Amino acid sequence: MNSFKLTLLVFLFTGFNCFAQSEAAVVKAVIDQMFDGMRKGDSALVHKVFIDEVKMETIVTSANGEGQLRTSSLSSFLQAVGTPHDEVWDERLLDYQITIEGAMAGISLDSL
């Protein structure tokens, strides 16, 4: 997963009930669940955090060193997560800010 650089995640969700937790804590729990699922190679755990109509985008470096935007489907991402692989996909977000507006939450990644 060396070429996989997650640059932006947008999670759309509805129906979360935030009685005991702040909205940001709920969003963080969703993000943590996705990365836990990736580390475990558990595509079912990862799938639970996404809506069906999601657009997956990553930035990859081309052969000539330029950054390119690559778009793929959720199903191909889930297949990659669930396919056995030797390395552990241990992505870590070190510096990010969660913003929420209505039923939409976004993550700004400042340190990538």
PDB file of N, CA and C in Angstrom:
ATOM      1  N   MET A   1       0.820  -1.180   0.000  1.00  0.00           N
ATOM      2  CA  MET A   1       0.000   0.000   0.000  1.00  0.00           C
ATOM      3  C   MET A   1       0.868   1.250   0.000  1.00  0.00           C
ATOM      4  N   ASN A   2       2.112   1.119  -0.438  1.00  0.00           N
ATOM      5  CA  ASN A   2       3.020   2.253  -0.439  1.00  0.00           C
ATOM      6  C   ASN A   2       2.512   3.394  -1.299  1.00  0.00           C
ATOM      7  N   SER A   3       1.899   3.094  -2.435  1.00  0.00           N
ATOM      8  CA  SER A   3       1.432   4.162  -3.314  1.00  0.00           C
ATOM      9  C   SER A   3       0.085   4.716  -2.890  1.00  0.00           C
ATOM     10  N   PHE A   4      -0.533   4.097  -1.911  1.00  0.00           N
ATOM     11  CA  PHE A   4      -1.851   4.541  -1.467  1.00  0.00           C
ATOM     12  C   PHE A   4      -1.689   5.680  -0.471  1.00  0.00           C
ATOM     13  N   LYS A   5      -2.097   6.845  -0.847  1.00  0.00           N
ATOM     14  CA  LYS A   5      -2.025   8.006   0.033  1.00  0.00           C
ATOM     15  C   LYS A   5      -3.426   8.562   0.164  1.00  0.00           C
ATOM     16  N   LEU A   6      -3.985   8.427   1.299  1.00  0.00           N
ATOM     17  CA  LEU A   6      -5.333   8.903   1.525  1.00  0.00           C
ATOM     18  C   LEU A   6      -5.276  10.391   1.803  1.00  0.00           C
ATOM     19  N   THR A   7      -5.856  11.189   0.921  1.00  0.00           N
ATOM     20  CA  THR A   7      -5.739  12.630   1.071  1.00  0.00           C
ATOM     21  C   THR A   7      -6.998  13.290   1.574  1.00  0.00           C
ATOM     22  N   LEU A   8      -8.133  12.719   1.295  1.00  0.00           N
ATOM     23  CA  LEU A   8      -9.360  13.348   1.752  1.00  0.00           C
ATOM     24  C   LEU A   8     -10.436  12.306   1.904  1.00  0.00           C
ATOM     25  N   LEU A   9     -11.077  12.318   3.025  1.00  0.00           N
ATOM     26  CA  LEU A   9     -12.204  11.429   3.258  1.00  0.00           C
ATOM     27  C   LEU A   9     -13.403  12.294   3.565  1.00  0.00           C
ATOM     28  N   VAL A  10     -14.494  11.985   2.944  1.00  0.00           N
ATOM     29  CA  VAL A  10     -15.728  12.667   3.286  1.00  0.00           C
ATOM     30  C   VAL A  10     -16.736  11.596   3.643  1.00  0.00           C
ATOM     31  N   PHE A  11     -17.233  11.664   4.822  1.00  0.00           N
ATOM     32  CA  PHE A  11     -18.201  10.693   5.295  1.00  0.00           C
ATOM     33  C   PHE A  11     -19.558  11.373   5.368  1.00  0.00           C
ATOM     34  N   LEU A  12     -20.514  10.841   4.645  1.00  0.00           N
ATOM     35  CA  LEU A  12     -21.881  11.324   4.716  1.00  0.00           C
ATOM     36  C   LEU A  12     -22.666  10.342   5.558  1.00  0.00           C
ATOM     37  N   PHE A  13     -23.330  10.844   6.541  1.00  0.00           N
ATOM     38  CA  PHE A  13     -24.094   9.939   7.369  1.00  0.00           C
ATOM     39  C   PHE A  13     -25.353  10.635   7.868  1.00  0.00           C
ATOM     40  N   THR A  14     -26.362   9.826   8.106  1.00  0.00           N
ATOM     41  CA  THR A  14     -27.607  10.329   8.678  1.00  0.00           C
ATOM     42  C   THR A  14     -28.047   9.375   9.770  1.00  0.00           C
ATOM     43  N   GLY A  15     -28.846   9.851  10.654  1.00  0.00           N
ATOM     44  CA  GLY A  15     -29.437   8.994  11.660  1.00  0.00           C
ATOM     45  C   GLY A  15     -28.559   8.677  12.844  1.00  0.00           C
ATOM     46  N   PHE A  16     -27.402   9.300  12.983  1.00  0.00           N
ATOM     47  CA  PHE A  16     -26.586   9.063  14.163  1.00  0.00           C
ATOM     48  C   PHE A  16     -27.222   9.771  15.350  1.00  0.00           C
ATOM     49  N   ASN A  17     -27.339   9.079  16.431  1.00  0.00           N
ATOM     50  CA  ASN A  17     -27.912   9.649  17.637  1.00  0.00           C
ATOM     51  C   ASN A  17     -26.776   9.977  18.589  1.00  0.00           C
ATOM     52  N   CYS A  18     -26.623  11.223  18.941  1.00  0.00           N
ATOM     53  CA  CYS A  18     -25.468  11.688  19.709  1.00  0.00           C
ATOM     54  C   CYS A  18     -25.848  12.013  21.148  1.00  0.00           C
ATOM     55  N   PHE A  19     -26.489  11.100  21.847  1.00  0.00           N
ATOM     56  CA  PHE A  19     -26.900  11.408  23.212  1.00  0.00           C
ATOM     57  C   PHE A  19     -25.692  11.632  24.119  1.00  0.00           C
ATOM     58  N   ALA A  20     -24.762  10.700  24.139  1.00  0.00           N
ATOM     59  CA  ALA A  20     -23.662  10.773  25.101  1.00  0.00           C
ATOM     60  C   ALA A  20     -22.392  11.347  24.503  1.00  0.00           C
ATOM     61  N   GLN A  21     -22.318  11.471  23.192  1.00  0.00           N
ATOM     62  CA  GLN A  21     -21.092  11.916  22.558  1.00  0.00           C
ATOM     63  C   GLN A  21     -21.362  13.153  21.728  1.00  0.00           C
ATOM     64  N   SER A  22     -20.337  13.963  21.561  1.00  0.00           N
ATOM     65  CA  SER A  22     -20.460  15.092  20.656  1.00  0.00           C
ATOM     66  C   SER A  22     -20.478  14.576  19.222  1.00  0.00           C
ATOM     67  N   GLU A  23     -20.954  15.396  18.306  1.00  0.00           N
ATOM     68  CA  GLU A  23     -20.974  14.989  16.895  1.00  0.00           C
ATOM     69  C   GLU A  23     -19.568  14.688  16.402  1.00  0.00           C
ATOM     70  N   ALA A  24     -18.589  15.489  16.798  1.00  0.00           N
ATOM     71  CA  ALA A  24     -17.209  15.250  16.359  1.00  0.00           C
ATOM     72  C   ALA A  24     -16.696  13.910  16.871  1.00  0.00           C
ATOM     73  N   ALA A  25     -17.072  13.520  18.072  1.00  0.00           N
ATOM     74  CA  ALA A  25     -16.646  12.226  18.623  1.00  0.00           C
ATOM     75  C   ALA A  25     -17.254  11.076  17.828  1.00  0.00           C
ATOM     76  N   VAL A  26     -18.493  11.240  17.385  1.00  0.00           N
ATOM     77  CA  VAL A  26     -19.141  10.217  16.563  1.00  0.00           C
ATOM     78  C   VAL A  26     -18.412  10.086  15.230  1.00  0.00           C
ATOM     79  N   VAL A  27     -18.075  11.214  14.610  1.00  0.00           N
ATOM     80  CA  VAL A  27     -17.346  11.192  13.337  1.00  0.00           C
ATOM     81  C   VAL A  27     -15.981  10.546  13.534  1.00  0.00           C
ATOM     82  N   LYS A  28     -15.286  10.898  14.615  1.00  0.00           N
ATOM     83  CA  LYS A  28     -13.974  10.303  14.894  1.00  0.00           C
ATOM     84  C   LYS A  28     -14.098   8.792  15.057  1.00  0.00           C
ATOM     85  N   ALA A  29     -15.158   8.336  15.706  1.00  0.00           N
ATOM     86  CA  ALA A  29     -15.364   6.899  15.877  1.00  0.00           C
ATOM     87  C   ALA A  29     -15.551   6.200  14.535  1.00  0.00           C
ATOM     88  N   VAL A  30     -16.234   6.860  13.599  1.00  0.00           N
ATOM     89  CA  VAL A  30     -16.416   6.312  12.255  1.00  0.00           C
ATOM     90  C   VAL A  30     -15.065   6.212  11.547  1.00  0.00           C
ATOM     91  N   ILE A  31     -14.271   7.268  11.642  1.00  0.00           N
ATOM     92  CA  ILE A  31     -12.937   7.275  11.023  1.00  0.00           C
ATOM     93  C   ILE A  31     -12.078   6.170  11.633  1.00  0.00           C
ATOM     94  N   ASP A  32     -12.082   6.073  12.960  1.00  0.00           N
ATOM     95  CA  ASP A  32     -11.299   5.036  13.639  1.00  0.00           C
ATOM     96  C   ASP A  32     -11.738   3.641  13.205  1.00  0.00           C
ATOM     97  N   GLN A  33     -13.053   3.437  13.040  1.00  0.00           N
ATOM     98  CA  GLN A  33     -13.557   2.137  12.607  1.00  0.00           C
ATOM     99  C   GLN A  33     -13.032   1.794  11.216  1.00  0.00           C
ATOM    100  N   MET A  34     -13.007   2.780  10.320  1.00  0.00           N
ATOM    101  CA  MET A  34     -12.507   2.511   8.976  1.00  0.00           C
ATOM    102  C   MET A  34     -11.037   2.086   9.021  1.00  0.00           C
ATOM    103  N   PHE A  35     -10.208   2.830   9.758  1.00  0.00           N
ATOM    104  CA  PHE A  35      -8.789   2.493   9.815  1.00  0.00           C
ATOM    105  C   PHE A  35      -8.548   1.183  10.575  1.00  0.00           C
ATOM    106  N   ASP A  36      -9.347   0.900  11.604  1.00  0.00           N
ATOM    107  CA  ASP A  36      -9.236  -0.392  12.289  1.00  0.00           C
ATOM    108  C   ASP A  36      -9.548  -1.529  11.325  1.00  0.00           C
ATOM    109  N   GLY A  37     -10.599  -1.355  10.527  1.00  0.00           N
ATOM    110  CA  GLY A  37     -10.952  -2.370   9.532  1.00  0.00           C
ATOM    111  C   GLY A  37      -9.852  -2.566   8.502  1.00  0.00           C
ATOM    112  N   MET A  38      -9.223  -1.472   8.078  1.00  0.00           N
ATOM    113  CA  MET A  38      -8.114  -1.585   7.124  1.00  0.00           C
ATOM    114  C   MET A  38      -6.955  -2.350   7.741  1.00  0.00           C
ATOM    115  N   ARG A  39      -6.603  -2.043   9.005  1.00  0.00           N
ATOM    116  CA  ARG A  39      -5.503  -2.746   9.674  1.00  0.00           C
ATOM    117  C   ARG A  39      -5.797  -4.239   9.799  1.00  0.00           C
ATOM    118  N   LYS A  40      -7.058  -4.574  10.073  1.00  0.00           N
ATOM    119  CA  LYS A  40      -7.453  -5.976  10.256  1.00  0.00           C
ATOM    120  C   LYS A  40      -7.718  -6.692   8.934  1.00  0.00           C
ATOM    121  N   GLY A  41      -7.798  -5.941   7.828  1.00  0.00           N
ATOM    122  CA  GLY A  41      -8.153  -6.553   6.545  1.00  0.00           C
ATOM    123  C   GLY A  41      -9.612  -6.971   6.522  1.00  0.00           C
ATOM    124  N   ASP A  42     -10.453  -6.266   7.273  1.00  0.00           N
ATOM    125  CA  ASP A  42     -11.869  -6.601   7.434  1.00  0.00           C
ATOM    126  C   ASP A  42     -12.724  -5.663   6.583  1.00  0.00           C
ATOM    127  N   SER A  43     -13.044  -6.094   5.372  1.00  0.00           N
ATOM    128  CA  SER A  43     -13.805  -5.239   4.459  1.00  0.00           C
ATOM    129  C   SER A  43     -15.231  -4.998   4.952  1.00  0.00           C
ATOM    130  N   ALA A  44     -15.818  -5.940   5.690  1.00  0.00           N
ATOM    131  CA  ALA A  44     -17.173  -5.749   6.223  1.00  0.00           C
ATOM    132  C   ALA A  44     -17.190  -4.621   7.257  1.00  0.00           C
ATOM    133  N   LEU A  45     -16.177  -4.556   8.093  1.00  0.00           N
ATOM    134  CA  LEU A  45     -16.069  -3.489   9.087  1.00  0.00           C
ATOM    135  C   LEU A  45     -15.894  -2.138   8.404  1.00  0.00           C
ATOM    136  N   VAL A  46     -15.066  -2.096   7.373  1.00  0.00           N
ATOM    137  CA  VAL A  46     -14.860  -0.860   6.615  1.00  0.00           C
ATOM    138  C   VAL A  46     -16.141  -0.459   5.899  1.00  0.00           C
ATOM    139  N   HIS A  47     -16.831  -1.410   5.293  1.00  0.00           N
ATOM    140  CA  HIS A  47     -18.038  -1.119   4.511  1.00  0.00           C
ATOM    141  C   HIS A  47     -19.116  -0.433   5.350  1.00  0.00           C
ATOM    142  N   LYS A  48     -19.185  -0.755   6.639  1.00  0.00           N
ATOM    143  CA  LYS A  48     -20.213  -0.197   7.515  1.00  0.00           C
ATOM    144  C   LYS A  48     -20.138   1.322   7.645  1.00  0.00           C
ATOM    145  N   VAL A  49     -18.995   1.923   7.370  1.00  0.00           N
ATOM    146  CA  VAL A  49     -18.863   3.376   7.569  1.00  0.00           C
ATOM    147  C   VAL A  49     -19.196   4.183   6.317  1.00  0.00           C
ATOM    148  N   PHE A  50     -19.461   3.527   5.206  1.00  0.00           N
ATOM    149  CA  PHE A  50     -19.711   4.223   3.949  1.00  0.00           C
ATOM    150  C   PHE A  50     -21.161   4.086   3.504  1.00  0.00           C
ATOM    151  N   ILE A  51     -21.638   5.112   2.816  1.00  0.00           N
ATOM    152  CA  ILE A  51     -22.879   4.984   2.082  1.00  0.00           C
ATOM    153  C   ILE A  51     -22.542   4.299   0.762  1.00  0.00           C
ATOM    154  N   ASP A  52     -23.549   3.800   0.048  1.00  0.00           N
ATOM    155  CA  ASP A  52     -23.284   3.043  -1.176  1.00  0.00           C
ATOM    156  C   ASP A  52     -22.740   3.911  -2.312  1.00  0.00           C
ATOM    157  N   GLU A  53     -23.171   5.149  -2.405  1.00  0.00           N
ATOM    158  CA  GLU A  53     -22.750   6.017  -3.503  1.00  0.00           C
ATOM    159  C   GLU A  53     -21.588   6.902  -3.046  1.00  0.00           C
ATOM    160  N   VAL A  54     -20.422   6.319  -2.914  1.00  0.00           N
ATOM    161  CA  VAL A  54     -19.256   7.067  -2.462  1.00  0.00           C
ATOM    162  C   VAL A  54     -18.230   7.122  -3.585  1.00  0.00           C
ATOM    163  N   LYS A  55     -17.510   8.205  -3.652  1.00  0.00           N
ATOM    164  CA  LYS A  55     -16.464   8.385  -4.653  1.00  0.00           C
ATOM    165  C   LYS A  55     -15.118   8.330  -3.926  1.00  0.00           C
ATOM    166  N   MET A  56     -14.312   7.362  -4.263  1.00  0.00           N
ATOM    167  CA  MET A  56     -13.010   7.182  -3.623  1.00  0.00           C
ATOM    168  C   MET A  56     -11.959   7.884  -4.482  1.00  0.00           C
ATOM    169  N   GLU A  57     -11.212   8.782  -3.868  1.00  0.00           N
ATOM    170  CA  GLU A  57     -10.171   9.499  -4.598  1.00  0.00           C
ATOM    171  C   GLU A  57      -8.862   9.432  -3.827  1.00  0.00           C
ATOM    172  N   THR A  58      -7.783   9.193  -4.566  1.00  0.00           N
ATOM    173  CA  THR A  58      -6.444   9.168  -3.982  1.00  0.00           C
ATOM    174  C   THR A  58      -5.516   9.966  -4.877  1.00  0.00           C
ATOM    175  N   ILE A  59      -4.444  10.425  -4.291  1.00  0.00           N
ATOM    176  CA  ILE A  59      -3.386  11.090  -5.054  1.00  0.00           C
ATOM    177  C   ILE A  59      -2.237  10.096  -5.185  1.00  0.00           C
ATOM    178  N   VAL A  60      -1.805   9.851  -6.407  1.00  0.00           N
ATOM    179  CA  VAL A  60      -0.665   8.969  -6.664  1.00  0.00           C
ATOM    180  C   VAL A  60       0.384   9.760  -7.433  1.00  0.00           C
ATOM    181  N   THR A  61       1.603   9.317  -7.345  1.00  0.00           N
ATOM    182  CA  THR A  61       2.689   9.961  -8.071  1.00  0.00           C
ATOM    183  C   THR A  61       2.947   9.191  -9.355  1.00  0.00           C
ATOM    184  N   SER A  62       2.905   9.904 -10.470  1.00  0.00           N
ATOM    185  CA  SER A  62       3.131   9.271 -11.770  1.00  0.00           C
ATOM    186  C   SER A  62       4.613   8.970 -11.957  1.00  0.00           C
ATOM    187  N   ALA A  63       4.940   8.269 -13.044  1.00  0.00           N
ATOM    188  CA  ALA A  63       6.329   7.921 -13.348  1.00  0.00           C
ATOM    189  C   ALA A  63       7.203   9.159 -13.494  1.00  0.00           C
ATOM    190  N   ASN A  64       6.613  10.277 -13.953  1.00  0.00           N
ATOM    191  CA  ASN A  64       7.407  11.500 -14.117  1.00  0.00           C
ATOM    192  C   ASN A  64       7.386  12.385 -12.874  1.00  0.00           C
ATOM    193  N   GLY A  65       6.849  11.857 -11.751  1.00  0.00           N
ATOM    194  CA  GLY A  65       6.900  12.578 -10.483  1.00  0.00           C
ATOM    195  C   GLY A  65       5.756  13.543 -10.225  1.00  0.00           C
ATOM    196  N   GLU A  66       4.781  13.587 -11.109  1.00  0.00           N
ATOM    197  CA  GLU A  66       3.647  14.492 -10.922  1.00  0.00           C
ATOM    198  C   GLU A  66       2.537  13.793 -10.147  1.00  0.00           C
ATOM    199  N   GLY A  67       1.842  14.572  -9.319  1.00  0.00           N
ATOM    200  CA  GLY A  67       0.699  14.042  -8.597  1.00  0.00           C
ATOM    201  C   GLY A  67      -0.492  13.911  -9.529  1.00  0.00           C
ATOM    202  N   GLN A  68      -1.182  12.797  -9.437  1.00  0.00           N
ATOM    203  CA  GLN A  68      -2.363  12.565 -10.254  1.00  0.00           C
ATOM    204  C   GLN A  68      -3.514  12.117  -9.362  1.00  0.00           C
ATOM    205  N   LEU A  69      -4.707  12.604  -9.674  1.00  0.00           N
ATOM    206  CA  LEU A  69      -5.906  12.207  -8.958  1.00  0.00           C
ATOM    207  C   LEU A  69      -6.437  10.919  -9.570  1.00  0.00           C
ATOM    208  N   ARG A  70      -6.637   9.912  -8.739  1.00  0.00           N
ATOM    209  CA  ARG A  70      -7.170   8.638  -9.215  1.00  0.00           C
ATOM    210  C   ARG A  70      -8.508   8.392  -8.517  1.00  0.00           C
ATOM    211  N   THR A  71      -9.543   8.130  -9.298  1.00  0.00           N
ATOM    212  CA  THR A  71     -10.881   7.869  -8.774  1.00  0.00           C
ATOM    213  C   THR A  71     -11.198   6.383  -8.942  1.00  0.00           C
ATOM    214  N   SER A  72     -11.758   5.797  -7.887  1.00  0.00           N
ATOM    215  CA  SER A  72     -12.130   4.383  -7.963  1.00  0.00           C
ATOM    216  C   SER A  72     -13.457   4.185  -7.226  1.00  0.00           C
ATOM    217  N   SER A  73     -13.941   2.969  -7.244  1.00  0.00           N
ATOM    218  CA  SER A  73     -15.231   2.664  -6.623  1.00  0.00           C
ATOM    219  C   SER A  73     -15.028   2.140  -5.208  1.00  0.00           C
ATOM    220  N   LEU A  74     -16.087   2.228  -4.433  1.00  0.00           N
ATOM    221  CA  LEU A  74     -16.062   1.663  -3.086  1.00  0.00           C
ATOM    222  C   LEU A  74     -15.848   0.158  -3.153  1.00  0.00           C
ATOM    223  N   SER A  75     -16.483  -0.509  -4.092  1.00  0.00           N
ATOM    224  CA  SER A  75     -16.355  -1.971  -4.173  1.00  0.00           C
ATOM    225  C   SER A  75     -14.911  -2.401  -4.432  1.00  0.00           C
ATOM    226  N   SER A  76     -14.189  -1.657  -5.261  1.00  0.00           N
ATOM    227  CA  SER A  76     -12.788  -2.030  -5.506  1.00  0.00           C
ATOM    228  C   SER A  76     -11.931  -1.780  -4.263  1.00  0.00           C
ATOM    229  N   PHE A  77     -12.240  -0.722  -3.508  1.00  0.00           N
ATOM    230  CA  PHE A  77     -11.525  -0.456  -2.262  1.00  0.00           C
ATOM    231  C   PHE A  77     -11.794  -1.568  -1.249  1.00  0.00           C
ATOM    232  N   LEU A  78     -13.063  -1.944  -1.098  1.00  0.00           N
ATOM    233  CA  LEU A  78     -13.409  -3.003  -0.156  1.00  0.00           C
ATOM    234  C   LEU A  78     -12.782  -4.331  -0.549  1.00  0.00           C
ATOM    235  N   GLN A  79     -12.731  -4.611  -1.843  1.00  0.00           N
ATOM    236  CA  GLN A  79     -12.091  -5.838  -2.314  1.00  0.00           C
ATOM    237  C   GLN A  79     -10.601  -5.818  -1.966  1.00  0.00           C
ATOM    238  N   ALA A  80      -9.951  -4.664  -2.159  1.00  0.00           N
ATOM    239  CA  ALA A  80      -8.525  -4.550  -1.831  1.00  0.00           C
ATOM    240  C   ALA A  80      -8.292  -4.733  -0.333  1.00  0.00           C
ATOM    241  N   VAL A  81      -9.149  -4.141   0.490  1.00  0.00           N
ATOM    242  CA  VAL A  81      -9.007  -4.289   1.946  1.00  0.00           C
ATOM    243  C   VAL A  81      -9.166  -5.749   2.351  1.00  0.00           C
ATOM    244  N   GLY A  82     -10.157  -6.428   1.792  1.00  0.00           N
ATOM    245  CA  GLY A  82     -10.468  -7.793   2.191  1.00  0.00           C
ATOM    246  C   GLY A  82      -9.607  -8.867   1.567  1.00  0.00           C
ATOM    247  N   THR A  83      -8.845  -8.524   0.525  1.00  0.00           N
ATOM    248  CA  THR A  83      -7.965  -9.506  -0.111  1.00  0.00           C
ATOM    249  C   THR A  83      -6.728  -9.694   0.759  1.00  0.00           C
ATOM    250  N   PRO A  84      -6.391 -10.935   1.106  1.00  0.00           N
ATOM    251  CA  PRO A  84      -5.213 -11.153   1.959  1.00  0.00           C
ATOM    252  C   PRO A  84      -3.956 -10.512   1.364  1.00  0.00           C
ATOM    253  N   HIS A  85      -3.220  -9.821   2.219  1.00  0.00           N
ATOM    254  CA  HIS A  85      -1.964  -9.193   1.817  1.00  0.00           C
ATOM    255  C   HIS A  85      -0.980  -9.299   2.979  1.00  0.00           C
ATOM    256  N   ASP A  86       0.302  -9.348   2.649  1.00  0.00           N
ATOM    257  CA  ASP A  86       1.340  -9.569   3.657  1.00  0.00           C
ATOM    258  C   ASP A  86       1.502  -8.387   4.605  1.00  0.00           C
ATOM    259  N   GLU A  87       1.423  -7.180   4.066  1.00  0.00           N
ATOM    260  CA  GLU A  87       1.646  -6.016   4.927  1.00  0.00           C
ATOM    261  C   GLU A  87       0.350  -5.563   5.596  1.00  0.00           C
ATOM    262  N   VAL A  88       0.504  -4.968   6.761  1.00  0.00           N
ATOM    263  CA  VAL A  88      -0.632  -4.406   7.480  1.00  0.00           C
ATOM    264  C   VAL A  88      -0.852  -2.989   6.962  1.00  0.00           C
ATOM    265  N   TRP A  89      -2.079  -2.675   6.585  1.00  0.00           N
ATOM    266  CA  TRP A  89      -2.406  -1.337   6.099  1.00  0.00           C
ATOM    267  C   TRP A  89      -2.669  -0.450   7.306  1.00  0.00           C
ATOM    268  N   ASP A  90      -1.635   0.134   7.811  1.00  0.00           N
ATOM    269  CA  ASP A  90      -1.705   0.917   9.038  1.00  0.00           C
ATOM    270  C   ASP A  90      -1.586   2.403   8.727  1.00  0.00           C
ATOM    271  N   GLU A  91      -2.666   2.965   8.220  1.00  0.00           N
ATOM    272  CA  GLU A  91      -2.717   4.401   7.927  1.00  0.00           C
ATOM    273  C   GLU A  91      -3.020   5.146   9.220  1.00  0.00           C
ATOM    274  N   ARG A  92      -2.336   6.254   9.440  1.00  0.00           N
ATOM    275  CA  ARG A  92      -2.557   7.068  10.631  1.00  0.00           C
ATOM    276  C   ARG A  92      -2.766   8.519  10.225  1.00  0.00           C
ATOM    277  N   LEU A  93      -3.793   9.139  10.775  1.00  0.00           N
ATOM    278  CA  LEU A  93      -4.010  10.575  10.592  1.00  0.00           C
ATOM    279  C   LEU A  93      -3.408  11.263  11.804  1.00  0.00           C
ATOM    280  N   LEU A  94      -2.399  12.076  11.588  1.00  0.00           N
ATOM    281  CA  LEU A  94      -1.692  12.705  12.698  1.00  0.00           C
ATOM    282  C   LEU A  94      -2.207  14.094  13.020  1.00  0.00           C
ATOM    283  N   ASP A  95      -2.724  14.792  12.028  1.00  0.00           N
ATOM    284  CA  ASP A  95      -3.151  16.170  12.233  1.00  0.00           C
ATOM    285  C   ASP A  95      -4.351  16.435  11.342  1.00  0.00           C
ATOM    286  N   TYR A  96      -5.531  16.474  11.923  1.00  0.00           N
ATOM    287  CA  TYR A  96      -6.724  16.697  11.124  1.00  0.00           C
ATOM    288  C   TYR A  96      -7.767  17.453  11.940  1.00  0.00           C
ATOM    289  N   GLN A  97      -8.713  18.023  11.222  1.00  0.00           N
ATOM    290  CA  GLN A  97      -9.794  18.760  11.849  1.00  0.00           C
ATOM    291  C   GLN A  97     -11.111  18.256  11.276  1.00  0.00           C
ATOM    292  N   ILE A  98     -12.046  17.942  12.144  1.00  0.00           N
ATOM    293  CA  ILE A  98     -13.366  17.477  11.736  1.00  0.00           C
ATOM    294  C   ILE A  98     -14.301  18.677  11.693  1.00  0.00           C
ATOM    295  N   THR A  99     -14.995  18.831  10.572  1.00  0.00           N
ATOM    296  CA  THR A  99     -16.008  19.880  10.457  1.00  0.00           C
ATOM    297  C   THR A  99     -17.337  19.218  10.126  1.00  0.00           C
ATOM    298  N   ILE A 100     -18.401  19.763  10.690  1.00  0.00           N
ATOM    299  CA  ILE A 100     -19.728  19.171  10.523  1.00  0.00           C
ATOM    300  C   ILE A 100     -20.700  20.270  10.136  1.00  0.00           C
ATOM    301  N   GLU A 101     -21.492  19.967   9.118  1.00  0.00           N
ATOM    302  CA  GLU A 101     -22.580  20.862   8.725  1.00  0.00           C
ATOM    303  C   GLU A 101     -23.783  20.001   8.389  1.00  0.00           C
ATOM    304  N   GLY A 102     -24.774  20.039   9.235  1.00  0.00           N
ATOM    305  CA  GLY A 102     -25.952  19.207   9.022  1.00  0.00           C
ATOM    306  C   GLY A 102     -25.578  17.738   9.075  1.00  0.00           C
ATOM    307  N   ALA A 103     -25.953  16.994   8.044  1.00  0.00           N
ATOM    308  CA  ALA A 103     -25.682  15.557   7.981  1.00  0.00           C
ATOM    309  C   ALA A 103     -24.379  15.240   7.271  1.00  0.00           C
ATOM    310  N   MET A 104     -23.544  16.238   7.018  1.00  0.00           N
ATOM    311  CA  MET A 104     -22.283  16.009   6.324  1.00  0.00           C
ATOM    312  C   MET A 104     -21.116  16.349   7.246  1.00  0.00           C
ATOM    313  N   ALA A 105     -20.138  15.457   7.235  1.00  0.00           N
ATOM    314  CA  ALA A 105     -18.913  15.682   8.007  1.00  0.00           C
ATOM    315  C   ALA A 105     -17.734  15.585   7.064  1.00  0.00           C
ATOM    316  N   GLY A 106     -16.753  16.422   7.276  1.00  0.00           N
ATOM    317  CA  GLY A 106     -15.554  16.395   6.449  1.00  0.00           C
ATOM    318  C   GLY A 106     -14.320  16.438   7.314  1.00  0.00           C
ATOM    319  N   ILE A 107     -13.221  16.000   6.762  1.00  0.00           N
ATOM    320  CA  ILE A 107     -11.961  15.999   7.468  1.00  0.00           C
ATOM    321  C   ILE A 107     -10.976  16.817   6.656  1.00  0.00           C
ATOM    322  N   SER A 108     -10.359  17.773   7.311  1.00  0.00           N
ATOM    323  CA  SER A 108      -9.276  18.527   6.680  1.00  0.00           C
ATOM    324  C   SER A 108      -7.977  17.914   7.159  1.00  0.00           C
ATOM    325  N   LEU A 109      -7.172  17.465   6.209  1.00  0.00           N
ATOM    326  CA  LEU A 109      -5.887  16.868   6.540  1.00  0.00           C
ATOM    327  C   LEU A 109      -4.804  17.914   6.308  1.00  0.00           C
ATOM    328  N   ASP A 110      -4.246  18.424   7.367  1.00  0.00           N
ATOM    329  CA  ASP A 110      -3.283  19.500   7.264  1.00  0.00           C
ATOM    330  C   ASP A 110      -1.846  19.039   7.091  1.00  0.00           C
ATOM    331  N   SER A 111      -1.523  17.839   7.548  1.00  0.00           N
ATOM    332  CA  SER A 111      -0.115  17.464   7.621  1.00  0.00           C
ATOM    333  C   SER A 111       0.345  16.529   6.523  1.00  0.00           C
ATOM    334  N   LEU A 112      -0.469  16.200   5.549  1.00  0.00           N
ATOM    335  CA  LEU A 112      -0.018  15.269   4.512  1.00  0.00           C
ATOM    336  C   LEU A 112       0.741  15.999   3.504  1.00  0.00           C
TER     337      LEU A 112
END
